[in-house]
Structures are given as structure tokens and as C-alpha cells.
Amino acid sequence: MAANANMVAELQRLAAARGATAAQLALAWLLAQGDGIVPIPGARSLAHLEENVAAAQIKLSETELAAIAPASVQGARYPQHELVMLGL
């Protein structure tokens, strides 16, 4: 958890430097991955919807794309007992 917290802190730092939210940078990163990736963000309020739409206007530099890349995420996506239920 601590290793992933460091990555989240970096994402938040990059977002603040751009005047954006971490969620917007995450969406911008997904959009930069190509036409085969279609993010489906949640929006419980109009403000969140507007925030999500604004993320499409963020163009990340190669350095930012590399810094946001999830390669350093540690841990499994699901606990072992859920992987078993999924047949994985």
C-alpha cells in the first residue's frame, strides 16, 4: 500500500502543477493510450461530469505519460479468493 501511495502522491503533484485533479490526469492518460481504450468514468454529480469532460482537453507530455504509467503499481487487482471465483 505504501508503494502505491507514493505513486498516487506523484499523480496528485503532477495534477496540481497542471491545475487539474488526479482523476483528470488519470483520464487524460487513458485517452492518450489510443483509440482502443475507452474510459468509462463515473459521475455522481454534474460537477464530476464536467471535470471528466474537461480531462479530454488535457494533452500530456511524454514525460508526464511516463510518470503516470502504472508499471510501478504493486499488488494484485483482486484478492486471491476473488481471483478463484473469477476462474483466474
C-alpha atoms as a PDB file:
ATOM      1  CA  MET A   1       0.000   0.000   0.000  1.00  0.00           C
ATOM      2  CA  ALA A   2       2.836   2.411   0.837  1.00  0.00           C
ATOM      3  CA  ALA A   3       4.469   1.952  -2.585  1.00  0.00           C
ATOM      4  CA  ASN A   4       1.169   2.706  -4.312  1.00  0.00           C
ATOM      5  CA  ALA A   5       0.606   5.717  -2.039  1.00  0.00           C
ATOM      6  CA  ASN A   6       3.850   7.192  -3.380  1.00  0.00           C
ATOM      7  CA  MET A   7       2.564   6.793  -6.925  1.00  0.00           C
ATOM      8  CA  VAL A   8      -0.732   8.471  -6.009  1.00  0.00           C
ATOM      9  CA  ALA A   9       1.181  11.342  -4.398  1.00  0.00           C
ATOM     10  CA  GLU A  10       3.163  11.812  -7.627  1.00  0.00           C
ATOM     11  CA  LEU A  11      -0.054  11.803  -9.660  1.00  0.00           C
ATOM     12  CA  GLN A  12      -1.522  14.423  -7.330  1.00  0.00           C
ATOM     13  CA  ARG A  13       1.651  16.537  -7.611  1.00  0.00           C
ATOM     14  CA  LEU A  14       1.568  16.399 -11.411  1.00  0.00           C
ATOM     15  CA  ALA A  15      -2.137  17.240 -11.419  1.00  0.00           C
ATOM     16  CA  ALA A  16      -1.672  20.235  -9.125  1.00  0.00           C
ATOM     17  CA  ALA A  17       1.131  21.524 -11.366  1.00  0.00           C
ATOM     18  CA  ARG A  18      -1.292  21.370 -14.311  1.00  0.00           C
ATOM     19  CA  GLY A  19      -4.197  22.918 -12.379  1.00  0.00           C
ATOM     20  CA  ALA A  20      -6.111  19.654 -12.743  1.00  0.00           C
ATOM     21  CA  THR A  21      -7.323  16.877 -10.491  1.00  0.00           C
ATOM     22  CA  ALA A  22      -5.676  13.480 -10.176  1.00  0.00           C
ATOM     23  CA  ALA A  23      -8.802  11.955 -11.713  1.00  0.00           C
ATOM     24  CA  GLN A  24      -8.488  14.241 -14.729  1.00  0.00           C
ATOM     25  CA  LEU A  25      -4.859  13.276 -15.234  1.00  0.00           C
ATOM     26  CA  ALA A  26      -5.761   9.592 -14.965  1.00  0.00           C
ATOM     27  CA  LEU A  27      -8.467  10.034 -17.603  1.00  0.00           C
ATOM     28  CA  ALA A  28      -6.107  12.043 -19.822  1.00  0.00           C
ATOM     29  CA  TRP A  29      -3.547   9.229 -19.532  1.00  0.00           C
ATOM     30  CA  LEU A  30      -6.152   6.651 -20.553  1.00  0.00           C
ATOM     31  CA  LEU A  31      -7.245   8.787 -23.520  1.00  0.00           C
ATOM     32  CA  ALA A  32      -3.610   9.055 -24.623  1.00  0.00           C
ATOM     33  CA  GLN A  33      -3.323   5.247 -24.878  1.00  0.00           C
ATOM     34  CA  GLY A  34      -5.012   5.139 -28.274  1.00  0.00           C
ATOM     35  CA  ASP A  35      -8.396   4.586 -29.828  1.00  0.00           C
ATOM     36  CA  GLY A  36      -8.674   1.043 -28.474  1.00  0.00           C
ATOM     37  CA  ILE A  37      -9.016   2.317 -24.904  1.00  0.00           C
ATOM     38  CA  VAL A  38     -12.334   3.872 -23.911  1.00  0.00           C
ATOM     39  CA  PRO A  39     -12.526   5.113 -20.326  1.00  0.00           C
ATOM     40  CA  ILE A  40     -15.911   4.864 -18.631  1.00  0.00           C
ATOM     41  CA  PRO A  41     -15.666   7.321 -15.746  1.00  0.00           C
ATOM     42  CA  GLY A  42     -18.291   7.577 -13.057  1.00  0.00           C
ATOM     43  CA  ALA A  43     -20.072  10.821 -12.309  1.00  0.00           C
ATOM     44  CA  ARG A  44     -22.337  11.179  -9.303  1.00  0.00           C
ATOM     45  CA  SER A  45     -22.806  14.881  -9.867  1.00  0.00           C
ATOM     46  CA  LEU A  46     -22.807  17.443 -12.641  1.00  0.00           C
ATOM     47  CA  ALA A  47     -19.517  18.797 -11.273  1.00  0.00           C
ATOM     48  CA  HIS A  48     -17.880  15.371 -11.665  1.00  0.00           C
ATOM     49  CA  LEU A  49     -19.262  15.044 -15.193  1.00  0.00           C
ATOM     50  CA  GLU A  50     -17.837  18.453 -16.117  1.00  0.00           C
ATOM     51  CA  GLU A  51     -14.500  17.506 -14.547  1.00  0.00           C
ATOM     52  CA  ASN A  52     -14.418  14.292 -16.592  1.00  0.00           C
ATOM     53  CA  VAL A  53     -15.244  16.112 -19.839  1.00  0.00           C
ATOM     54  CA  ALA A  54     -12.502  18.673 -19.175  1.00  0.00           C
ATOM     55  CA  ALA A  55      -9.963  15.847 -18.928  1.00  0.00           C
ATOM     56  CA  ALA A  56     -10.304  15.309 -22.685  1.00  0.00           C
ATOM     57  CA  GLN A  57      -8.648  18.703 -23.218  1.00  0.00           C
ATOM     58  CA  ILE A  58      -5.517  17.766 -21.281  1.00  0.00           C
ATOM     59  CA  LYS A  59      -2.618  16.778 -23.515  1.00  0.00           C
ATOM     60  CA  LEU A  60       0.156  15.120 -21.544  1.00  0.00           C
ATOM     61  CA  SER A  61       3.835  15.351 -22.421  1.00  0.00           C
ATOM     62  CA  GLU A  62       5.900  12.212 -22.943  1.00  0.00           C
ATOM     63  CA  THR A  63       7.495  12.825 -19.542  1.00  0.00           C
ATOM     64  CA  GLU A  64       4.082  13.079 -17.863  1.00  0.00           C
ATOM     65  CA  LEU A  65       2.831   9.972 -19.658  1.00  0.00           C
ATOM     66  CA  ALA A  66       5.838   8.026 -18.416  1.00  0.00           C
ATOM     67  CA  ALA A  67       5.452   9.345 -14.861  1.00  0.00           C
ATOM     68  CA  ILE A  68       1.802   8.302 -14.742  1.00  0.00           C
ATOM     69  CA  ALA A  69       2.354   4.856 -16.278  1.00  0.00           C
ATOM     70  CA  PRO A  70       1.019   2.169 -13.932  1.00  0.00           C
ATOM     71  CA  ALA A  71       4.108  -0.056 -14.252  1.00  0.00           C
ATOM     72  CA  SER A  72       5.046   0.678 -10.645  1.00  0.00           C
ATOM     73  CA  VAL A  73       1.673  -0.363  -9.192  1.00  0.00           C
ATOM     74  CA  GLN A  74       2.220  -3.112  -6.662  1.00  0.00           C
ATOM     75  CA  GLY A  75      -0.180  -5.801  -5.537  1.00  0.00           C
ATOM     76  CA  ALA A  76      -2.897  -7.765  -7.250  1.00  0.00           C
ATOM     77  CA  ARG A  77      -6.043  -6.121  -8.543  1.00  0.00           C
ATOM     78  CA  TYR A  78      -8.224  -8.632  -6.695  1.00  0.00           C
ATOM     79  CA  PRO A  79      -7.635 -10.659  -3.530  1.00  0.00           C
ATOM     80  CA  GLN A  80      -6.792 -14.335  -4.128  1.00  0.00           C
ATOM     81  CA  HIS A  81     -10.247 -15.593  -3.111  1.00  0.00           C
ATOM     82  CA  GLU A  82     -11.878 -13.321  -5.724  1.00  0.00           C
ATOM     83  CA  LEU A  83      -9.433 -14.488  -8.413  1.00  0.00           C
ATOM     84  CA  VAL A  84     -10.528 -18.052  -7.678  1.00  0.00           C
ATOM     85  CA  MET A  85     -14.197 -17.062  -8.082  1.00  0.00           C
ATOM     86  CA  LEU A  86     -13.286 -15.477 -11.433  1.00  0.00           C
ATOM     87  CA  GLY A  87     -11.512 -18.645 -12.542  1.00  0.00           C
ATOM     88  CA  LEU A  88      -8.117 -16.938 -12.645  1.00  0.00           C
END
